[in-house]
Amino acid sequence: MVLTSVQPGYLAAAAHITHVAHVFALTVFILVLVWVLHFRGGAARLHSDDANLIFNVHPLVMSLGFILIIGEAIMAYKIVPADKMLQKFVHLLLHLIALGLGILGIYAAFKYHNAATLPDMVSLHSWLGMLTICLFGLQVTIKLKILICAVKFMNGIDGEGGDVAQWVFGFVNFWFPGASPAMRGLLVPVHKSAGLVVFLMTVCTAETGLVQMDAAPGAESRVINFTGLFMLLFAFAVSVSVALPKVF
């Protein structure tokens, strides 16, 4: 049966865990702001002469923009009170915003390394970060390609010799309500699992970055530790929200 509206029981069930996730996200948001603005002197434009202020753009953008927005995108199906198609567009839009912020954050890191004459791509954090942003970029690119081909397909327009719509036909079935139950049963778990894996990779990458930045014992160190803790709790809450049934 095709769902044309969000069932009240679905929203009620999802609200429990997504509300908790939002509390964790807000806590991470506040902690990162306190850390960057109070302990590290704030963030600067990328053409600043102060290398440390340039670097501060990286944790600010990657944690607040990249991780939290990806988490919100994953939960969009549970928190957006609209039909399924609008939820999918919100999901994709948030992913596009997260990708843009992720690219900005990585650029800030390379800019800092260049200004401080430090070598690039030598830490586990940098390796995980590059792998994660590449996988996430590939994921978003595929989603965009699917959307473009789906629109062309629905309007009877051939794309690139008529091959593209056929190439993504199975995935288009997922995006549109006319998909068979068997096709949806095959694609939805794969889509959810792949997205969740990439999201958890972003969190793991952030945790390794926080370990690298850990300060001497004191107030700043506690802020960093609590940031990592609540980031993990946010990831756990998002993961549970994906696993929850629509009604329980």
Protein backbone atom coordinates (compact mmCIF):
# COMPACT_ATOMS: atom_id res chain seq x y z
CA MET A 1 0.00 0.00 0.00
CA VAL A 2 1.33 3.43 -0.94
CA LEU A 3 1.43 5.95 1.88
CA THR A 4 0.17 9.33 0.74
CA SER A 5 0.30 10.92 4.17
CA VAL A 6 2.24 10.51 7.36
CA GLN A 7 0.41 8.29 9.83
CA PRO A 8 -0.10 9.79 13.32
CA GLY A 9 1.24 6.65 14.95
CA TYR A 10 4.37 6.91 12.84
CA LEU A 11 5.05 10.46 13.98
CA ALA A 12 4.32 9.62 17.61
CA ALA A 13 6.71 6.67 17.55
CA ALA A 14 9.47 8.58 15.79
CA ALA A 15 9.14 11.64 18.01
CA HIS A 16 10.49 9.87 21.10
CA ILE A 17 13.95 9.15 19.74
CA THR A 18 14.26 12.12 17.37
CA HIS A 19 13.55 14.53 20.23
CA VAL A 20 16.37 12.95 22.19
CA ALA A 21 18.64 13.19 19.14
CA HIS A 22 17.85 16.90 18.82
CA VAL A 23 18.82 17.46 22.46
CA PHE A 24 22.17 15.77 21.81
CA ALA A 25 22.64 17.78 18.60
CA LEU A 26 21.94 21.06 20.40
CA THR A 27 24.42 20.09 23.12
CA VAL A 28 27.12 19.36 20.53
CA PHE A 29 26.33 22.67 18.82
CA ILE A 30 26.78 24.62 22.07
CA LEU A 31 29.94 22.77 23.11
CA VAL A 32 31.65 23.29 19.74
CA LEU A 33 30.79 26.99 19.77
CA VAL A 34 32.17 27.34 23.30
CA TRP A 35 35.32 25.47 22.35
CA VAL A 36 36.02 27.39 19.13
CA LEU A 37 34.92 30.86 20.26
CA HIS A 38 36.07 30.83 23.88
CA PHE A 39 39.08 28.53 24.04
CA ARG A 40 40.47 28.86 20.51
CA GLY A 41 39.84 32.52 19.84
CA GLY A 42 37.12 32.20 17.24
CA ALA A 43 37.17 31.51 13.51
CA ALA A 44 38.36 33.75 10.69
CA ARG A 45 37.83 34.12 6.99
CA LEU A 46 39.85 31.71 4.93
CA HIS A 47 42.15 34.48 3.66
CA SER A 48 43.17 35.51 7.20
CA ASP A 49 46.84 35.82 8.11
CA ASP A 50 46.27 33.86 11.32
CA ALA A 51 46.66 30.16 10.51
CA ASN A 52 45.02 29.04 13.76
CA LEU A 53 41.88 31.06 13.09
CA ILE A 54 41.72 29.57 9.61
CA PHE A 55 41.93 26.09 11.10
CA ASN A 56 39.08 26.81 13.52
CA VAL A 57 36.75 26.96 10.53
CA HIS A 58 37.37 23.24 10.05
CA PRO A 59 35.96 21.82 13.32
CA LEU A 60 33.20 24.41 13.33
CA VAL A 61 31.97 23.58 9.84
CA MET A 62 32.57 19.84 9.95
CA SER A 63 30.85 19.19 13.27
CA LEU A 64 28.01 21.69 13.15
CA GLY A 65 27.42 21.69 9.42
CA PHE A 66 28.48 18.28 8.22
CA ILE A 67 27.75 15.78 11.00
CA LEU A 68 24.63 17.37 12.49
CA ILE A 69 23.02 18.12 9.12
CA ILE A 70 23.66 14.59 7.85
CA GLY A 71 22.01 13.28 11.00
CA GLU A 72 19.03 15.56 10.42
CA ALA A 73 18.85 14.39 6.81
CA ILE A 74 18.71 10.77 7.95
CA MET A 75 15.90 11.61 10.38
CA ALA A 76 13.99 13.67 7.80
CA TYR A 77 11.70 10.73 7.10
CA LYS A 78 10.71 10.73 10.77
CA ILE A 79 10.49 14.47 11.52
CA VAL A 80 9.11 16.11 8.36
CA PRO A 81 5.28 16.11 8.61
CA ALA A 82 4.68 15.73 4.88
CA ASP A 83 4.17 13.09 2.22
CA LYS A 84 6.94 10.71 1.28
CA MET A 85 8.08 12.57 -1.81
CA LEU A 86 8.59 15.86 0.05
CA GLN A 87 10.50 14.01 2.75
CA LYS A 88 12.81 12.63 0.07
CA PHE A 89 13.47 16.09 -1.34
CA VAL A 90 14.22 17.47 2.14
CA HIS A 91 16.54 14.50 2.70
CA LEU A 92 18.41 15.26 -0.53
CA LEU A 93 18.54 19.02 0.09
CA LEU A 94 20.09 18.55 3.52
CA HIS A 95 22.63 16.18 2.02
CA LEU A 96 23.59 18.80 -0.58
CA ILE A 97 24.04 21.42 2.15
CA ALA A 98 26.14 19.00 4.20
CA LEU A 99 28.32 18.18 1.19
CA GLY A 100 28.97 21.86 0.52
CA LEU A 101 29.92 22.48 4.14
CA GLY A 102 32.07 19.36 4.18
CA ILE A 103 34.04 20.56 1.15
CA LEU A 104 34.47 23.96 2.82
CA GLY A 105 35.72 22.30 5.99
CA ILE A 106 38.29 20.20 4.14
CA TYR A 107 39.43 23.25 2.18
CA ALA A 108 39.96 25.08 5.48
CA ALA A 109 42.12 22.21 6.76
CA PHE A 110 44.33 22.24 3.64
CA LYS A 111 44.48 26.04 3.78
CA TYR A 112 45.68 25.84 7.39
CA HIS A 113 48.31 23.23 6.58
CA ASN A 114 49.60 25.40 3.75
CA ALA A 115 49.72 28.52 5.94
CA ALA A 116 51.42 26.66 8.79
CA THR A 117 53.75 24.73 6.43
CA LEU A 118 52.49 21.38 7.70
CA PRO A 119 52.37 18.16 5.62
CA ASP A 120 48.99 17.01 4.30
CA MET A 121 47.30 13.63 4.65
CA VAL A 122 49.62 12.11 7.26
CA SER A 123 47.19 11.26 10.08
CA LEU A 124 44.46 8.65 10.46
CA HIS A 125 42.01 11.53 10.87
CA SER A 126 42.92 12.94 7.45
CA TRP A 127 42.71 9.52 5.79
CA LEU A 128 39.30 8.77 7.25
CA GLY A 129 38.11 12.28 6.45
CA MET A 130 39.08 12.10 2.79
CA LEU A 131 37.59 8.62 2.39
CA THR A 132 34.36 9.72 4.06
CA ILE A 133 33.89 12.91 2.05
CA CYS A 134 34.55 10.98 -1.18
CA LEU A 135 32.00 8.30 -0.30
CA PHE A 136 29.47 10.90 0.78
CA GLY A 137 30.05 12.94 -2.38
CA LEU A 138 29.55 9.81 -4.49
CA GLN A 139 26.35 9.03 -2.60
CA VAL A 140 24.93 12.53 -3.13
CA THR A 141 26.00 12.57 -6.80
CA ILE A 142 24.17 9.29 -7.42
CA LYS A 143 21.05 10.66 -5.71
CA LEU A 144 21.15 13.78 -7.88
CA LYS A 145 21.61 11.69 -11.01
CA ILE A 146 18.67 9.54 -10.00
CA LEU A 147 16.50 12.60 -9.40
CA ILE A 148 17.40 14.20 -12.74
CA CYS A 149 16.81 10.98 -14.64
CA ALA A 150 13.56 10.39 -12.78
CA VAL A 151 12.24 13.82 -13.75
CA LYS A 152 13.21 13.21 -17.38
CA PHE A 153 11.67 9.76 -17.28
CA MET A 154 8.39 11.06 -15.87
CA ASN A 155 8.28 13.77 -18.54
CA GLY A 156 9.13 11.43 -21.39
CA ILE A 157 12.53 13.01 -22.09
CA ASP A 158 15.43 10.83 -23.22
CA GLY A 159 18.68 11.45 -21.39
CA GLU A 160 22.09 10.93 -22.95
CA GLY A 161 20.91 8.70 -25.74
CA GLY A 162 18.05 7.22 -23.73
CA ASP A 163 20.38 5.03 -21.66
CA VAL A 164 20.41 6.92 -18.38
CA ALA A 165 16.80 6.33 -17.38
CA GLN A 166 17.25 2.61 -17.96
CA TRP A 167 20.52 2.60 -16.02
CA VAL A 168 18.80 3.94 -12.90
CA PHE A 169 15.37 2.44 -13.48
CA GLY A 170 15.49 0.23 -10.40
CA PHE A 171 16.54 3.15 -8.21
CA VAL A 172 13.89 5.41 -9.72
CA ASN A 173 11.32 2.87 -8.60
CA PHE A 174 12.41 3.56 -5.05
CA TRP A 175 11.90 7.31 -5.47
CA PHE A 176 8.44 6.98 -6.95
CA PRO A 177 5.34 5.50 -5.31
CA GLY A 178 4.78 3.10 -8.20
CA ALA A 179 7.64 0.86 -7.16
CA SER A 180 6.79 -2.76 -6.58
CA PRO A 181 6.91 -4.04 -2.98
CA ALA A 182 9.65 -6.48 -3.95
CA MET A 183 11.81 -3.73 -5.44
CA ARG A 184 11.31 -1.46 -2.45
CA GLY A 185 12.01 -4.34 -0.09
CA LEU A 186 15.34 -4.85 -1.84
CA LEU A 187 16.48 -1.24 -2.21
CA VAL A 188 15.31 0.46 0.99
CA PRO A 189 17.47 -1.59 3.40
CA VAL A 190 20.53 -1.14 1.16
CA HIS A 191 19.94 2.61 0.92
CA LYS A 192 19.46 2.97 4.68
CA SER A 193 22.49 0.87 5.54
CA ALA A 194 24.82 2.66 3.12
CA GLY A 195 23.72 6.09 4.34
CA LEU A 196 24.08 5.09 7.97
CA VAL A 197 27.57 3.67 7.40
CA VAL A 198 28.76 6.93 5.82
CA PHE A 199 27.18 8.93 8.67
CA LEU A 200 28.92 6.79 11.29
CA MET A 201 32.19 7.23 9.39
CA THR A 202 31.82 11.01 9.71
CA VAL A 203 31.37 10.61 13.46
CA CYS A 204 34.40 8.30 13.77
CA THR A 205 36.46 10.79 11.78
CA ALA A 206 35.37 13.63 14.04
CA GLU A 207 36.27 11.62 17.13
CA THR A 208 39.80 11.03 15.84
CA GLY A 209 40.07 14.75 15.15
CA LEU A 210 38.98 15.60 18.69
CA VAL A 211 41.61 13.20 20.06
CA GLN A 212 44.28 15.02 18.02
CA MET A 213 43.14 18.37 19.44
CA ASP A 214 42.84 17.21 23.05
CA ALA A 215 44.36 19.85 25.33
CA ALA A 216 46.12 19.60 28.67
CA PRO A 217 43.86 18.59 31.57
CA GLY A 218 41.53 21.44 32.35
CA ALA A 219 38.38 23.19 31.18
CA GLU A 220 39.17 22.98 27.46
CA SER A 221 39.96 19.29 27.69
CA ARG A 222 36.63 18.63 29.42
CA VAL A 223 34.76 20.56 26.72
CA ILE A 224 36.47 18.48 24.03
CA ASN A 225 35.69 15.23 25.85
CA PHE A 226 32.04 16.13 26.38
CA THR A 227 31.79 17.16 22.72
CA GLY A 228 32.99 13.72 21.66
CA LEU A 229 30.66 12.03 24.13
CA PHE A 230 27.53 13.86 23.01
CA MET A 231 28.50 13.40 19.37
CA LEU A 232 28.52 9.65 19.97
CA LEU A 233 25.16 9.86 21.74
CA PHE A 234 23.76 11.80 18.78
CA ALA A 235 25.02 9.12 16.39
CA PHE A 236 23.47 6.43 18.57
CA ALA A 237 20.10 8.23 18.66
CA VAL A 238 20.10 8.72 14.88
CA SER A 239 20.96 5.05 14.36
CA VAL A 240 18.16 3.93 16.67
CA SER A 241 15.70 6.20 14.85
CA VAL A 242 16.54 4.40 11.61
CA ALA A 243 16.04 1.00 13.22
CA LEU A 244 12.73 1.84 14.89
CA PRO A 245 9.56 0.54 13.23
CA LYS A 246 6.99 3.05 12.08
CA VAL A 247 4.66 2.16 14.93
CA PHE A 248 5.43 0.46 18.23
